[in-house]
């Protein structure tokens, strides 16, 4: 089948959207194995003996002593604790590799270089392509042989491969192989020869949205803080470590964690598929009043039209919603996706105890 490119108006412009059978590709991702070319992602390479301690000081994750083979999510926040950048960070063979959204590559490179000052660190673009792998069939012997490993790595770990490539596990059932761009087609051909199906980024996005995982710049806006979208937690859990030293935006992170609750929450929404699809940024309305913002929208092989949305934290899951701008579309929150918003932070609990006389 001929490759169909992703919409030019979307975040994956220029990538392969599908190969003629998007639902078949999603089905293969769930039942067999697929390889998805995500080489449009921007990749950076950090070298130098101070790279980990330097990055630790300017980002949200605890990375000063990452061991060889460690993989984490990480963020750059602004002074008010709002998310500016999100990346996947891999520590391997004395080099730190970051990969991020295509449109954030240059801004992130510029920011990191501006923050070096006197640190012994070098930041450069890396000539690596990201190929994502999904499906239970990845553990088949032929696939492992094509990858050059005896077993798939554990979640949030990476192993070196031949020719400057490496394989890493990230979210459950998801792997990435980062390879030199000049060798990308050779790697894809080898995987296809081992029985892996080629799929477009539509399949990847359907997998991501169904798992309620946010994407920078799609499911976030200029006001998003990490607590709203589940990016709180240490290595292997989230992108913000709550027990590390000072970094830009830490005051907001600590205040919301200890004393308050985030104003919004990320939820999965089911969309009415009988009309036109709404688009990223469309408001969600309840009784004509704006209560949220729509993020990712995708047609899922089993779940139909689904999306992610940032909605007001106290919004009941059974609230009838409408989105779609000029073309109204009914939307319903998936109750299972609603995060626990009833917890009380340690700081707030202490204040309440003081006010009640220590009871």
Protein backbone atom coordinates (compact mmCIF):
# COMPACT_ATOMS: atom_id res chain seq x y z
CA UNK A 1 0.00 0.00 0.00
CA UNK A 2 1.11 3.56 -0.68
CA UNK A 3 2.02 5.67 2.30
CA UNK A 4 -0.41 8.44 3.24
CA UNK A 5 1.22 11.41 4.95
CA UNK A 6 -0.10 12.96 8.14
CA UNK A 7 -2.17 16.16 7.93
CA UNK A 8 -0.03 19.24 7.33
CA UNK A 9 -1.97 21.09 10.02
CA UNK A 10 -1.08 18.56 12.71
CA UNK A 11 1.98 17.92 14.88
CA UNK A 12 3.11 14.95 12.75
CA UNK A 13 3.21 16.78 9.39
CA UNK A 14 5.51 14.99 6.98
CA UNK A 15 5.36 11.64 8.78
CA UNK A 16 3.49 8.61 7.43
CA UNK A 17 -0.09 8.70 8.75
CA UNK A 18 -0.94 5.18 7.54
CA UNK A 19 -0.29 2.72 4.73
CA UNK A 20 -3.85 2.40 3.46
CA UNK A 21 -5.36 0.35 6.31
CA UNK A 22 -5.21 2.44 9.51
CA UNK A 23 -7.53 0.19 11.50
CA UNK A 24 -5.71 -2.93 10.35
CA UNK A 25 -2.46 -1.35 11.52
CA UNK A 26 -3.99 -0.62 14.92
CA UNK A 27 -5.22 -4.20 15.13
CA UNK A 28 -1.72 -5.47 14.34
CA UNK A 29 -0.32 -3.24 17.10
CA UNK A 30 -2.67 -4.92 19.56
CA UNK A 31 -2.33 -8.51 18.38
CA UNK A 32 1.05 -8.87 16.66
CA UNK A 33 3.84 -6.31 16.19
CA UNK A 34 4.29 -3.04 14.31
CA UNK A 35 7.14 -0.63 13.60
CA UNK A 36 6.28 3.07 13.31
CA UNK A 37 8.62 5.61 11.77
CA UNK A 38 8.72 8.57 14.16
CA UNK A 39 11.94 9.97 12.77
CA UNK A 40 10.37 13.42 12.62
CA UNK A 41 11.04 13.68 16.35
CA UNK A 42 13.95 15.94 17.26
CA UNK A 43 16.92 14.25 18.95
CA UNK A 44 19.72 15.98 20.90
CA UNK A 45 23.01 14.62 22.23
CA UNK A 46 24.65 15.80 25.46
CA UNK A 47 28.28 15.03 26.24
CA UNK A 48 30.73 16.16 28.89
CA UNK A 49 31.45 15.08 32.48
CA UNK A 50 29.00 17.57 34.03
CA UNK A 51 26.04 16.88 31.74
CA UNK A 52 23.95 15.01 34.34
CA UNK A 53 24.48 17.39 37.27
CA UNK A 54 23.94 20.40 34.97
CA UNK A 55 20.70 19.02 33.50
CA UNK A 56 19.55 18.04 36.99
CA UNK A 57 19.73 21.70 38.04
CA UNK A 58 17.59 23.04 35.19
CA UNK A 59 14.95 20.33 34.77
CA UNK A 60 12.22 18.70 36.85
CA UNK A 61 13.53 15.13 37.02
CA UNK A 62 16.22 13.65 39.30
CA UNK A 63 18.98 12.90 36.79
CA UNK A 64 22.24 13.80 38.55
CA UNK A 65 23.14 10.17 39.18
CA UNK A 66 21.29 8.28 36.45
CA UNK A 67 22.88 4.90 35.90
CA UNK A 68 23.96 3.62 32.51
CA UNK A 69 20.92 2.36 30.63
CA UNK A 70 18.40 4.50 32.52
CA UNK A 71 15.47 6.11 30.67
CA UNK A 72 13.26 8.84 32.14
CA UNK A 73 10.77 11.50 31.21
CA UNK A 74 11.82 15.06 31.96
CA UNK A 75 10.46 18.60 31.76
CA UNK A 76 11.55 22.19 31.53
CA UNK A 77 9.18 24.50 33.40
CA UNK A 78 8.85 28.27 33.38
CA UNK A 79 9.07 30.38 36.53
CA UNK A 80 5.41 29.78 37.33
CA UNK A 81 5.73 26.00 37.02
CA UNK A 82 4.05 25.76 33.62
CA UNK A 83 5.28 23.14 31.17
CA UNK A 84 7.55 24.43 28.40
CA UNK A 85 9.25 21.24 27.19
CA UNK A 86 8.88 17.51 27.62
CA UNK A 87 11.42 14.95 26.47
CA UNK A 88 12.46 11.32 26.85
CA UNK A 89 15.98 11.08 28.26
CA UNK A 90 18.30 8.10 27.79
CA UNK A 91 21.62 7.64 29.56
CA UNK A 92 23.89 5.22 27.71
CA UNK A 93 27.64 4.76 27.23
CA UNK A 94 28.62 8.15 28.64
CA UNK A 95 26.16 10.10 26.49
CA UNK A 96 22.76 11.60 27.32
CA UNK A 97 20.22 11.52 24.49
CA UNK A 98 17.04 13.62 24.55
CA UNK A 99 14.20 13.29 22.06
CA UNK A 100 11.23 15.62 21.88
CA UNK A 101 8.45 16.90 19.64
CA UNK A 102 9.56 17.94 16.12
CA UNK A 103 8.62 21.57 16.63
CA UNK A 104 10.45 21.84 19.97
CA UNK A 105 13.85 20.63 18.76
CA UNK A 106 15.33 24.01 17.90
CA UNK A 107 13.82 25.88 20.88
CA UNK A 108 15.03 23.21 23.30
CA UNK A 109 18.50 23.21 21.75
CA UNK A 110 18.65 26.99 22.09
CA UNK A 111 17.46 26.94 25.69
CA UNK A 112 19.93 24.27 26.77
CA UNK A 113 22.87 25.99 25.10
CA UNK A 114 21.90 29.29 26.72
CA UNK A 115 21.93 27.63 30.16
CA UNK A 116 25.41 26.07 29.92
CA UNK A 117 27.40 29.03 31.30
CA UNK A 118 30.61 27.46 32.67
CA UNK A 119 29.50 23.84 32.83
CA UNK A 120 31.57 21.26 30.95
CA UNK A 121 28.70 20.22 28.68
CA UNK A 122 28.16 20.14 24.93
CA UNK A 123 24.69 20.00 23.38
CA UNK A 124 24.29 19.15 19.70
CA UNK A 125 21.63 17.77 17.36
CA UNK A 126 21.91 13.98 17.09
CA UNK A 127 21.61 12.26 13.73
CA UNK A 128 19.31 9.58 15.16
CA UNK A 129 15.87 8.44 14.01
CA UNK A 130 13.19 7.19 16.41
CA UNK A 131 11.39 4.00 15.39
CA UNK A 132 8.60 2.94 17.77
CA UNK A 133 7.61 -0.70 18.29
CA UNK A 134 4.25 -1.90 19.61
CA UNK A 135 2.65 -5.29 20.10
CA UNK A 136 3.01 -8.64 21.89
CA UNK A 137 4.74 -10.14 18.86
CA UNK A 138 7.90 -8.17 19.56
CA UNK A 139 9.13 -10.96 21.82
CA UNK A 140 9.14 -13.48 18.95
CA UNK A 141 12.62 -14.98 18.32
CA UNK A 142 12.81 -13.63 14.75
CA UNK A 143 12.14 -10.08 15.96
CA UNK A 144 14.68 -10.34 18.76
CA UNK A 145 17.23 -11.59 16.24
CA UNK A 146 16.52 -8.64 13.94
CA UNK A 147 17.07 -6.29 16.86
CA UNK A 148 20.20 -8.11 17.95
CA UNK A 149 19.04 -8.86 21.52
CA UNK A 150 18.15 -11.98 23.46
CA UNK A 151 15.27 -10.29 25.28
CA UNK A 152 13.44 -6.98 25.26
CA UNK A 153 14.66 -4.45 27.84
CA UNK A 154 12.63 -3.72 30.95
CA UNK A 155 10.46 -0.61 31.06
CA UNK A 156 12.50 2.59 31.36
CA UNK A 157 15.80 0.93 30.51
CA UNK A 158 17.94 0.92 27.37
CA UNK A 159 20.53 -1.38 25.82
CA UNK A 160 23.12 -0.60 23.16
CA UNK A 161 22.81 -2.24 19.73
CA UNK A 162 25.22 -2.48 16.84
CA UNK A 163 26.18 0.49 14.70
CA UNK A 164 25.42 3.23 17.22
CA UNK A 165 21.77 2.27 17.72
CA UNK A 166 20.02 1.51 21.00
CA UNK A 167 16.77 -0.10 22.12
CA UNK A 168 14.73 1.14 25.05
CA UNK A 169 11.54 0.22 26.86
CA UNK A 170 9.24 3.04 27.89
CA UNK A 171 5.52 2.74 28.62
CA UNK A 172 3.99 -0.74 29.08
CA UNK A 173 4.30 -2.75 25.87
CA UNK A 174 6.09 0.07 24.05
CA UNK A 175 9.68 0.21 22.80
CA UNK A 176 11.78 2.56 20.73
CA UNK A 177 14.87 1.78 18.69
CA UNK A 178 16.96 4.85 17.94
CA UNK A 179 19.17 4.31 14.91
CA UNK A 180 21.48 6.43 12.74
CA UNK A 181 19.28 8.16 10.14
CA UNK A 182 21.33 6.77 7.30
CA UNK A 183 20.49 3.24 8.52
CA UNK A 184 16.79 3.81 9.21
CA UNK A 185 15.44 1.98 6.14
CA UNK A 186 17.80 -0.94 6.72
CA UNK A 187 16.45 -1.38 10.26
CA UNK A 188 12.84 -1.13 9.08
CA UNK A 189 13.44 -3.69 6.34
CA UNK A 190 15.04 -6.08 8.82
CA UNK A 191 12.08 -5.79 11.19
CA UNK A 192 9.56 -6.26 8.39
CA UNK A 193 11.53 -9.29 7.26
CA UNK A 194 11.13 -10.68 10.77
CA UNK A 195 7.36 -10.42 10.54
CA UNK A 196 6.76 -6.92 11.95
CA UNK A 197 4.10 -4.85 10.16
CA UNK A 198 4.77 -1.27 9.08
CA UNK A 199 2.28 1.17 10.58
CA UNK A 200 1.82 4.93 10.50
CA UNK A 201 1.69 7.41 13.35
CA UNK A 202 -2.11 7.10 13.42
CA UNK A 203 -1.64 3.70 15.07
CA UNK A 204 0.79 5.16 17.58
CA UNK A 205 -1.55 8.05 18.40
CA UNK A 206 -4.52 5.72 18.86
CA UNK A 207 -2.42 3.63 21.27
CA UNK A 208 -1.29 6.73 23.18
CA UNK A 209 -4.70 8.37 23.45
CA UNK A 210 -6.41 5.16 24.57
CA UNK A 211 -3.80 4.98 27.36
CA UNK A 212 -4.64 8.61 28.31
CA UNK A 213 -1.04 9.77 27.87
CA UNK A 214 -0.69 13.50 27.14
CA UNK A 215 1.37 15.00 24.34
CA UNK A 216 3.20 18.32 24.62
CA UNK A 217 1.55 21.11 22.65
CA UNK A 218 -1.49 18.99 21.82
CA UNK A 219 -2.88 18.05 25.21
CA UNK A 220 -1.13 20.94 26.95
CA UNK A 221 -1.54 24.68 26.56
CA UNK A 222 0.31 27.74 27.83
CA UNK A 223 -1.23 27.32 31.32
CA UNK A 224 -0.60 23.61 31.87
CA UNK A 225 1.19 22.53 35.04
CA UNK A 226 2.50 18.97 35.49
CA UNK A 227 -0.07 17.99 38.13
CA UNK A 228 -2.93 18.47 35.66
CA UNK A 229 -1.71 15.85 33.20
CA UNK A 230 -0.17 13.15 35.38
CA UNK A 231 3.47 14.09 34.90
CA UNK A 232 4.23 14.04 38.64
CA UNK A 233 6.51 11.23 39.84
CA UNK A 234 10.09 10.05 39.78
CA UNK A 235 11.94 8.00 37.14
CA UNK A 236 9.75 5.36 35.55
CA UNK A 237 6.55 7.01 36.80
CA UNK A 238 6.33 10.63 35.74
CA UNK A 239 8.47 13.57 34.74
CA UNK A 240 8.70 15.55 38.00
CA UNK A 241 10.64 14.27 40.99
CA UNK A 242 9.26 15.64 44.25
CA UNK A 243 12.41 15.05 46.32
CA UNK A 244 15.12 16.98 44.53
CA UNK A 245 16.79 20.35 44.84
CA UNK A 246 15.82 23.71 43.44
CA UNK A 247 14.90 24.19 39.77
CA UNK A 248 12.86 26.70 37.84
CA UNK A 249 9.17 26.28 38.63
CA UNK A 250 9.77 24.14 41.73
CA UNK A 251 7.86 26.54 43.99
CA UNK A 252 4.63 26.00 42.08
CA UNK A 253 5.17 22.23 41.94
CA UNK A 254 5.69 22.05 45.71
CA UNK A 255 2.84 24.43 46.53
CA UNK A 256 0.26 22.55 44.46
CA UNK A 257 1.49 19.19 45.76
CA UNK A 258 1.49 20.18 49.43
CA UNK A 259 -1.20 22.82 49.82
CA UNK A 260 -3.59 22.78 46.90
CA UNK A 261 -5.07 20.91 43.99
CA UNK A 262 -4.52 21.50 40.28
CA UNK A 263 -7.26 23.56 38.63
CA UNK A 264 -7.73 21.07 35.79
CA UNK A 265 -7.44 17.34 35.11
CA UNK A 266 -6.72 15.26 32.01
CA UNK A 267 -9.49 12.86 31.00
CA UNK A 268 -10.33 10.54 28.13
CA UNK A 269 -13.49 11.49 26.25
CA UNK A 270 -15.69 9.50 23.90
CA UNK A 271 -16.86 11.53 20.90
CA UNK A 272 -19.99 11.20 18.80
CA UNK A 273 -18.79 9.79 15.49
CA UNK A 274 -21.83 10.66 13.40
CA UNK A 275 -20.60 14.10 12.36
CA UNK A 276 -17.40 15.99 11.66
CA UNK A 277 -14.48 15.41 13.99
CA UNK A 278 -13.67 18.22 16.44
CA UNK A 279 -10.09 19.49 16.49
CA UNK A 280 -7.40 20.19 19.04
CA UNK A 281 -8.14 23.39 20.94
CA UNK A 282 -11.93 23.21 20.62
CA UNK A 283 -13.64 24.16 23.89
CA UNK A 284 -15.74 21.66 25.82
CA UNK A 285 -19.05 23.12 26.91
CA UNK A 286 -21.47 22.09 29.65
CA UNK A 287 -24.79 23.87 29.44
CA UNK A 288 -23.23 26.43 27.14
CA UNK A 289 -20.41 27.21 29.58
CA UNK A 290 -16.76 26.42 28.80
CA UNK A 291 -15.43 23.77 31.18
CA UNK A 292 -12.39 22.49 29.31
CA UNK A 293 -10.21 22.23 26.25
CA UNK A 294 -10.00 19.36 23.76
CA UNK A 295 -6.54 17.99 22.97
CA UNK A 296 -5.76 14.89 20.91
CA UNK A 297 -8.51 13.46 18.68
CA UNK A 298 -8.22 10.08 16.95
CA UNK A 299 -10.35 7.29 15.52
CA UNK A 300 -9.62 4.10 17.45
CA UNK A 301 -10.25 0.67 15.97
CA UNK A 302 -12.18 -0.55 19.04
CA UNK A 303 -13.26 2.61 20.86
CA UNK A 304 -14.29 4.74 17.90
CA UNK A 305 -13.64 8.51 18.00
CA UNK A 306 -11.85 9.36 21.24
CA UNK A 307 -9.84 12.25 22.56
CA UNK A 308 -8.06 13.70 25.54
CA UNK A 309 -9.25 16.83 27.27
CA UNK A 310 -8.23 19.18 30.06
CA UNK A 311 -11.35 19.92 32.10
CA UNK A 312 -12.11 21.62 35.39
CA UNK A 313 -11.01 19.45 38.29
CA UNK A 314 -14.40 19.32 40.01
CA UNK A 315 -16.37 18.47 36.87
CA UNK A 316 -18.51 15.34 37.46
CA UNK A 317 -17.72 12.53 35.04
CA UNK A 318 -21.36 12.19 34.00
CA UNK A 319 -21.68 15.83 32.86
CA UNK A 320 -23.11 16.03 29.31
CA UNK A 321 -20.56 17.84 27.14
CA UNK A 322 -20.46 19.37 23.68
CA UNK A 323 -17.38 20.29 21.65
CA UNK A 324 -16.52 20.93 17.99
CA UNK A 325 -16.92 24.69 17.67
CA UNK A 326 -19.26 25.52 14.78
CA UNK A 327 -20.04 21.82 14.28
CA UNK A 328 -21.27 20.63 17.70
CA UNK A 329 -20.27 17.11 18.72
CA UNK A 330 -21.45 15.35 21.86
CA UNK A 331 -18.68 14.20 24.21
CA UNK A 332 -18.70 11.98 27.30
CA UNK A 333 -15.96 11.57 29.90
CA UNK A 334 -14.66 8.05 30.44
CA UNK A 335 -15.18 7.69 34.20
CA UNK A 336 -12.27 5.25 34.50
CA UNK A 337 -9.88 7.94 33.25
CA UNK A 338 -10.76 10.48 35.93
CA UNK A 339 -7.79 10.85 38.32
CA UNK A 340 -8.18 10.81 42.08
CA UNK A 341 -8.66 14.45 43.01
CA UNK A 342 -9.79 13.90 46.62
CA UNK A 343 -6.36 13.47 48.19
CA UNK A 344 -5.15 16.10 50.64
CA UNK A 345 -1.51 17.22 50.51
CA UNK A 346 0.63 16.98 53.62
CA UNK A 347 0.85 20.75 53.94
CA UNK A 348 -2.90 21.27 53.62
CA UNK A 349 -3.53 18.51 56.17
CA UNK A 350 -1.17 20.21 58.64
CA UNK A 351 -2.93 23.56 58.20
CA UNK A 352 -6.34 21.98 58.74
CA UNK A 353 -5.10 20.27 61.90
CA UNK A 354 -3.77 23.56 63.27
CA UNK A 355 -7.07 25.29 62.55
CA UNK A 356 -8.97 22.53 64.32
CA UNK A 357 -6.78 22.70 67.41
CA UNK A 358 -4.60 19.73 66.54
CA UNK A 359 -7.42 17.21 66.38
